[in-house]
């Protein structure tokens, strides 16, 4: 977090484009530009009757455990709606992230993409992709495509040769066999 404030104090621009975490609301004043795609969780038939403290405790579970619970606790329609929203988030962030990076003449753009995060959305984004790659593998293919598209955009804008792109990950994923 300090890096964004240090950039601003030094006269450099900074931007954040993301999903899941409400960056713009939690870190006001840290970015010159900030866009966030809110994710609305589907109503959960089991959790709906629980008290607030129980919901908070379940919400504190790790993402991987929570995703496993979703498969059990949500209806097919809710799971599909979750996948559609994930696709919408991907398209929003890919477009806005590339635009923010292209607009930065000097500075830092932080983009938090929703792939390869679950749920699996390969077949919704690229029909047939889910036939060749399923689950995490399909989302990894989409992540590669998103980065390739970002690079192509930066090359078209004449920025790629002077740009540093840092790719990080914060989740442990199962080994691909």
C-alpha atoms as a PDB file:
ATOM      1  CA  UNK A   1       0.000   0.000   0.000  1.00  0.00           C
ATOM      2  CA  UNK A   2       2.791   2.372   0.795  1.00  0.00           C
ATOM      3  CA  UNK A   3       4.115   2.091  -2.747  1.00  0.00           C
ATOM      4  CA  UNK A   4       1.023   3.790  -4.197  1.00  0.00           C
ATOM      5  CA  UNK A   5       1.227   6.686  -1.751  1.00  0.00           C
ATOM      6  CA  UNK A   6       4.984   7.024  -2.348  1.00  0.00           C
ATOM      7  CA  UNK A   7       4.375   7.158  -6.105  1.00  0.00           C
ATOM      8  CA  UNK A   8       1.794   9.916  -5.705  1.00  0.00           C
ATOM      9  CA  UNK A   9       4.092  11.933  -3.401  1.00  0.00           C
ATOM     10  CA  UNK A  10       6.859  11.619  -6.017  1.00  0.00           C
ATOM     11  CA  UNK A  11       4.594  12.938  -8.788  1.00  0.00           C
ATOM     12  CA  UNK A  12       3.886   9.611 -10.484  1.00  0.00           C
ATOM     13  CA  UNK A  13       0.436   8.372 -11.361  1.00  0.00           C
ATOM     14  CA  UNK A  14      -1.126   5.183 -10.026  1.00  0.00           C
ATOM     15  CA  UNK A  15      -4.224   3.209 -10.878  1.00  0.00           C
ATOM     16  CA  UNK A  16      -6.017   0.126  -9.586  1.00  0.00           C
ATOM     17  CA  UNK A  17      -8.551  -2.009 -11.425  1.00  0.00           C
ATOM     18  CA  UNK A  18      -9.896  -5.049  -9.652  1.00  0.00           C
ATOM     19  CA  UNK A  19     -12.647  -7.286  -8.427  1.00  0.00           C
ATOM     20  CA  UNK A  20     -13.536  -9.143  -5.226  1.00  0.00           C
ATOM     21  CA  UNK A  21     -11.680  -6.741  -2.861  1.00  0.00           C
ATOM     22  CA  UNK A  22     -13.179  -3.206  -2.753  1.00  0.00           C
ATOM     23  CA  UNK A  23      -9.868  -1.389  -3.361  1.00  0.00           C
ATOM     24  CA  UNK A  24     -11.431   1.971  -4.138  1.00  0.00           C
ATOM     25  CA  UNK A  25     -13.491   2.028  -0.944  1.00  0.00           C
ATOM     26  CA  UNK A  26     -10.882   0.570   1.394  1.00  0.00           C
ATOM     27  CA  UNK A  27      -7.950   2.608   0.076  1.00  0.00           C
ATOM     28  CA  UNK A  28      -9.368   6.038  -0.765  1.00  0.00           C
ATOM     29  CA  UNK A  29      -6.729   8.502  -1.892  1.00  0.00           C
ATOM     30  CA  UNK A  30      -4.148   5.837  -2.749  1.00  0.00           C
ATOM     31  CA  UNK A  31      -4.791   5.892  -6.505  1.00  0.00           C
ATOM     32  CA  UNK A  32      -5.260   8.561  -9.146  1.00  0.00           C
ATOM     33  CA  UNK A  33      -7.704   6.214 -10.874  1.00  0.00           C
ATOM     34  CA  UNK A  34      -9.522   3.313  -9.283  1.00  0.00           C
ATOM     35  CA  UNK A  35     -12.189   0.989 -10.697  1.00  0.00           C
ATOM     36  CA  UNK A  36     -13.732  -1.987  -8.969  1.00  0.00           C
ATOM     37  CA  UNK A  37     -16.110  -4.689 -10.162  1.00  0.00           C
ATOM     38  CA  UNK A  38     -18.217  -5.751  -7.177  1.00  0.00           C
ATOM     39  CA  UNK A  39     -19.081  -9.413  -6.923  1.00  0.00           C
ATOM     40  CA  UNK A  40     -22.559 -10.102  -5.571  1.00  0.00           C
ATOM     41  CA  UNK A  41     -22.662 -13.515  -3.933  1.00  0.00           C
ATOM     42  CA  UNK A  42     -25.776 -15.536  -4.757  1.00  0.00           C
ATOM     43  CA  UNK A  43     -28.269 -16.031  -1.953  1.00  0.00           C
ATOM     44  CA  UNK A  44     -27.285 -19.207  -0.169  1.00  0.00           C
ATOM     45  CA  UNK A  45     -30.218 -21.337   0.992  1.00  0.00           C
ATOM     46  CA  UNK A  46     -28.311 -22.764   3.977  1.00  0.00           C
ATOM     47  CA  UNK A  47     -26.620 -19.586   5.175  1.00  0.00           C
ATOM     48  CA  UNK A  48     -29.737 -17.437   4.713  1.00  0.00           C
ATOM     49  CA  UNK A  49     -31.214 -18.641   7.992  1.00  0.00           C
ATOM     50  CA  UNK A  50     -28.039 -18.294  10.050  1.00  0.00           C
ATOM     51  CA  UNK A  51     -27.242 -15.423  12.344  1.00  0.00           C
ATOM     52  CA  UNK A  52     -24.721 -12.737  11.338  1.00  0.00           C
ATOM     53  CA  UNK A  53     -21.870 -14.157  13.441  1.00  0.00           C
ATOM     54  CA  UNK A  54     -22.170 -17.560  11.771  1.00  0.00           C
ATOM     55  CA  UNK A  55     -22.098 -15.945   8.321  1.00  0.00           C
ATOM     56  CA  UNK A  56     -18.967 -14.005   9.256  1.00  0.00           C
ATOM     57  CA  UNK A  57     -17.260 -17.165  10.493  1.00  0.00           C
ATOM     58  CA  UNK A  58     -18.024 -19.035   7.275  1.00  0.00           C
ATOM     59  CA  UNK A  59     -16.975 -15.985   5.252  1.00  0.00           C
ATOM     60  CA  UNK A  60     -13.599 -16.133   6.964  1.00  0.00           C
ATOM     61  CA  UNK A  61     -12.864 -19.580   5.494  1.00  0.00           C
ATOM     62  CA  UNK A  62     -10.190 -19.761   2.849  1.00  0.00           C
ATOM     63  CA  UNK A  63     -11.195 -19.181  -0.769  1.00  0.00           C
ATOM     64  CA  UNK A  64     -10.566 -22.801  -1.674  1.00  0.00           C
ATOM     65  CA  UNK A  65     -12.721 -24.168   1.130  1.00  0.00           C
ATOM     66  CA  UNK A  66     -15.429 -21.592   0.392  1.00  0.00           C
ATOM     67  CA  UNK A  67     -15.472 -22.543  -3.280  1.00  0.00           C
ATOM     68  CA  UNK A  68     -15.921 -26.173  -2.260  1.00  0.00           C
ATOM     69  CA  UNK A  69     -18.868 -25.185  -0.051  1.00  0.00           C
ATOM     70  CA  UNK A  70     -20.450 -23.292  -2.928  1.00  0.00           C
ATOM     71  CA  UNK A  71     -20.599 -26.490  -4.964  1.00  0.00           C
ATOM     72  CA  UNK A  72     -22.635 -28.141  -2.195  1.00  0.00           C
ATOM     73  CA  UNK A  73     -24.729 -25.240  -0.928  1.00  0.00           C
ATOM     74  CA  UNK A  74     -25.779 -23.461  -4.124  1.00  0.00           C
ATOM     75  CA  UNK A  75     -28.319 -24.503  -6.737  1.00  0.00           C
ATOM     76  CA  UNK A  76     -27.283 -25.087 -10.357  1.00  0.00           C
ATOM     77  CA  UNK A  77     -28.915 -21.794 -11.329  1.00  0.00           C
ATOM     78  CA  UNK A  78     -26.969 -19.954  -8.624  1.00  0.00           C
ATOM     79  CA  UNK A  79     -23.698 -21.590  -9.704  1.00  0.00           C
ATOM     80  CA  UNK A  80     -24.376 -20.619 -13.339  1.00  0.00           C
ATOM     81  CA  UNK A  81     -25.208 -17.025 -12.314  1.00  0.00           C
ATOM     82  CA  UNK A  82     -21.921 -16.943 -10.377  1.00  0.00           C
ATOM     83  CA  UNK A  83     -20.024 -18.083 -13.497  1.00  0.00           C
ATOM     84  CA  UNK A  84     -21.755 -15.444 -15.654  1.00  0.00           C
ATOM     85  CA  UNK A  85     -20.853 -12.722 -13.159  1.00  0.00           C
ATOM     86  CA  UNK A  86     -17.245 -13.980 -13.182  1.00  0.00           C
ATOM     87  CA  UNK A  87     -17.183 -13.615 -16.988  1.00  0.00           C
ATOM     88  CA  UNK A  88     -18.574 -10.077 -16.711  1.00  0.00           C
ATOM     89  CA  UNK A  89     -15.859  -9.251 -14.171  1.00  0.00           C
ATOM     90  CA  UNK A  90     -13.169 -10.660 -16.472  1.00  0.00           C
ATOM     91  CA  UNK A  91     -14.344  -8.596 -19.448  1.00  0.00           C
ATOM     92  CA  UNK A  92     -14.679  -5.409 -17.364  1.00  0.00           C
ATOM     93  CA  UNK A  93     -11.250  -5.763 -15.757  1.00  0.00           C
ATOM     94  CA  UNK A  94      -9.449  -6.830 -18.943  1.00  0.00           C
ATOM     95  CA  UNK A  95     -10.809  -3.768 -20.790  1.00  0.00           C
ATOM     96  CA  UNK A  96     -10.353  -1.272 -17.971  1.00  0.00           C
ATOM     97  CA  UNK A  97      -6.980  -2.691 -16.910  1.00  0.00           C
ATOM     98  CA  UNK A  98      -5.543  -2.390 -20.421  1.00  0.00           C
ATOM     99  CA  UNK A  99      -6.959   1.145 -20.743  1.00  0.00           C
ATOM    100  CA  UNK A 100      -5.492   2.176 -17.387  1.00  0.00           C
ATOM    101  CA  UNK A 101      -2.068   0.733 -18.256  1.00  0.00           C
ATOM    102  CA  UNK A 102      -2.115   2.465 -21.643  1.00  0.00           C
ATOM    103  CA  UNK A 103      -3.085   5.796 -20.062  1.00  0.00           C
ATOM    104  CA  UNK A 104      -0.192   5.760 -17.591  1.00  0.00           C
ATOM    105  CA  UNK A 105       2.689   7.704 -19.116  1.00  0.00           C
ATOM    106  CA  UNK A 106       4.705   7.073 -15.965  1.00  0.00           C
ATOM    107  CA  UNK A 107       3.539   5.266 -12.899  1.00  0.00           C
ATOM    108  CA  UNK A 108       2.033   2.031 -11.694  1.00  0.00           C
ATOM    109  CA  UNK A 109      -1.158   0.268 -12.665  1.00  0.00           C
ATOM    110  CA  UNK A 110      -2.328  -2.582 -10.443  1.00  0.00           C
ATOM    111  CA  UNK A 111      -4.765  -4.984 -12.103  1.00  0.00           C
ATOM    112  CA  UNK A 112      -6.375  -7.880 -10.219  1.00  0.00           C
ATOM    113  CA  UNK A 113      -7.788 -10.284 -12.800  1.00  0.00           C
ATOM    114  CA  UNK A 114     -10.491 -12.817 -11.895  1.00  0.00           C
ATOM    115  CA  UNK A 115      -8.728 -15.671 -13.669  1.00  0.00           C
ATOM    116  CA  UNK A 116      -7.453 -18.214 -12.847  1.00  0.00           C
ATOM    117  CA  UNK A 117      -9.708 -17.880  -9.753  1.00  0.00           C
ATOM    118  CA  UNK A 118     -12.669 -20.272  -9.594  1.00  0.00           C
ATOM    119  CA  UNK A 119     -15.335 -20.816 -10.801  1.00  0.00           C
ATOM    120  CA  UNK A 120     -14.490 -22.359 -14.179  1.00  0.00           C
ATOM    121  CA  UNK A 121     -15.570 -20.008 -16.975  1.00  0.00           C
ATOM    122  CA  UNK A 122     -13.604 -21.218 -20.011  1.00  0.00           C
ATOM    123  CA  UNK A 123     -16.575 -22.435 -22.017  1.00  0.00           C
ATOM    124  CA  UNK A 124     -18.519 -19.227 -21.383  1.00  0.00           C
ATOM    125  CA  UNK A 125     -15.668 -16.991 -22.589  1.00  0.00           C
ATOM    126  CA  UNK A 126     -14.431 -19.142 -25.460  1.00  0.00           C
ATOM    127  CA  UNK A 127     -16.989 -21.744 -26.592  1.00  0.00           C
ATOM    128  CA  UNK A 128     -15.368 -25.169 -26.757  1.00  0.00           C
ATOM    129  CA  UNK A 129     -12.502 -24.279 -24.426  1.00  0.00           C
ATOM    130  CA  UNK A 130     -14.108 -26.316 -21.652  1.00  0.00           C
ATOM    131  CA  UNK A 131     -14.035 -29.367 -23.948  1.00  0.00           C
ATOM    132  CA  UNK A 132     -10.247 -29.156 -24.217  1.00  0.00           C
ATOM    133  CA  UNK A 133      -9.417 -27.697 -20.799  1.00  0.00           C
ATOM    134  CA  UNK A 134     -11.565 -28.088 -17.701  1.00  0.00           C
ATOM    135  CA  UNK A 135     -11.697 -26.352 -14.336  1.00  0.00           C
ATOM    136  CA  UNK A 136      -8.488 -24.681 -13.235  1.00  0.00           C
ATOM    137  CA  UNK A 137      -6.705 -25.634 -16.453  1.00  0.00           C
ATOM    138  CA  UNK A 138      -9.291 -23.753 -18.523  1.00  0.00           C
ATOM    139  CA  UNK A 139      -9.005 -20.706 -16.285  1.00  0.00           C
ATOM    140  CA  UNK A 140      -5.208 -20.822 -16.617  1.00  0.00           C
ATOM    141  CA  UNK A 141      -5.602 -20.809 -20.410  1.00  0.00           C
ATOM    142  CA  UNK A 142      -7.856 -17.744 -20.043  1.00  0.00           C
ATOM    143  CA  UNK A 143      -5.270 -16.051 -17.804  1.00  0.00           C
ATOM    144  CA  UNK A 144      -2.632 -16.603 -20.495  1.00  0.00           C
ATOM    145  CA  UNK A 145      -4.992 -15.130 -23.110  1.00  0.00           C
ATOM    146  CA  UNK A 146      -5.736 -12.078 -20.949  1.00  0.00           C
ATOM    147  CA  UNK A 147      -2.013 -11.383 -20.569  1.00  0.00           C
ATOM    148  CA  UNK A 148      -1.437 -11.905 -24.299  1.00  0.00           C
ATOM    149  CA  UNK A 149      -4.249  -9.430 -25.039  1.00  0.00           C
ATOM    150  CA  UNK A 150      -2.743  -6.913 -22.602  1.00  0.00           C
ATOM    151  CA  UNK A 151       0.635  -7.206 -24.277  1.00  0.00           C
ATOM    152  CA  UNK A 152      -0.917  -6.795 -27.746  1.00  0.00           C
ATOM    153  CA  UNK A 153      -2.742  -3.642 -26.582  1.00  0.00           C
ATOM    154  CA  UNK A 154       0.421  -2.155 -25.107  1.00  0.00           C
ATOM    155  CA  UNK A 155       2.348  -2.974 -28.305  1.00  0.00           C
ATOM    156  CA  UNK A 156      -0.364  -1.282 -30.428  1.00  0.00           C
ATOM    157  CA  UNK A 157      -0.111   1.765 -28.184  1.00  0.00           C
ATOM    158  CA  UNK A 158       3.690   1.797 -28.574  1.00  0.00           C
ATOM    159  CA  UNK A 159       4.232   1.281 -24.838  1.00  0.00           C
ATOM    160  CA  UNK A 160       5.435  -2.305 -24.560  1.00  0.00           C
ATOM    161  CA  UNK A 161       9.160  -1.589 -25.049  1.00  0.00           C
ATOM    162  CA  UNK A 162       9.164   0.910 -22.168  1.00  0.00           C
ATOM    163  CA  UNK A 163       6.827  -0.995 -19.871  1.00  0.00           C
ATOM    164  CA  UNK A 164       7.622  -3.321 -16.987  1.00  0.00           C
ATOM    165  CA  UNK A 165       4.931  -5.944 -16.339  1.00  0.00           C
ATOM    166  CA  UNK A 166       5.033  -7.773 -13.019  1.00  0.00           C
ATOM    167  CA  UNK A 167       2.888 -10.881 -12.633  1.00  0.00           C
ATOM    168  CA  UNK A 168       2.214 -12.227  -9.167  1.00  0.00           C
ATOM    169  CA  UNK A 169      -0.002 -14.902  -7.687  1.00  0.00           C
ATOM    170  CA  UNK A 170      -1.226 -15.410  -4.159  1.00  0.00           C
ATOM    171  CA  UNK A 171      -2.940 -18.768  -4.277  1.00  0.00           C
ATOM    172  CA  UNK A 172      -1.594 -22.277  -4.060  1.00  0.00           C
ATOM    173  CA  UNK A 173      -3.123 -24.431  -6.788  1.00  0.00           C
ATOM    174  CA  UNK A 174      -3.098 -28.183  -7.175  1.00  0.00           C
ATOM    175  CA  UNK A 175      -0.413 -29.588  -9.430  1.00  0.00           C
ATOM    176  CA  UNK A 176      -1.459 -30.163 -13.022  1.00  0.00           C
ATOM    177  CA  UNK A 177      -0.994 -33.839 -13.852  1.00  0.00           C
END
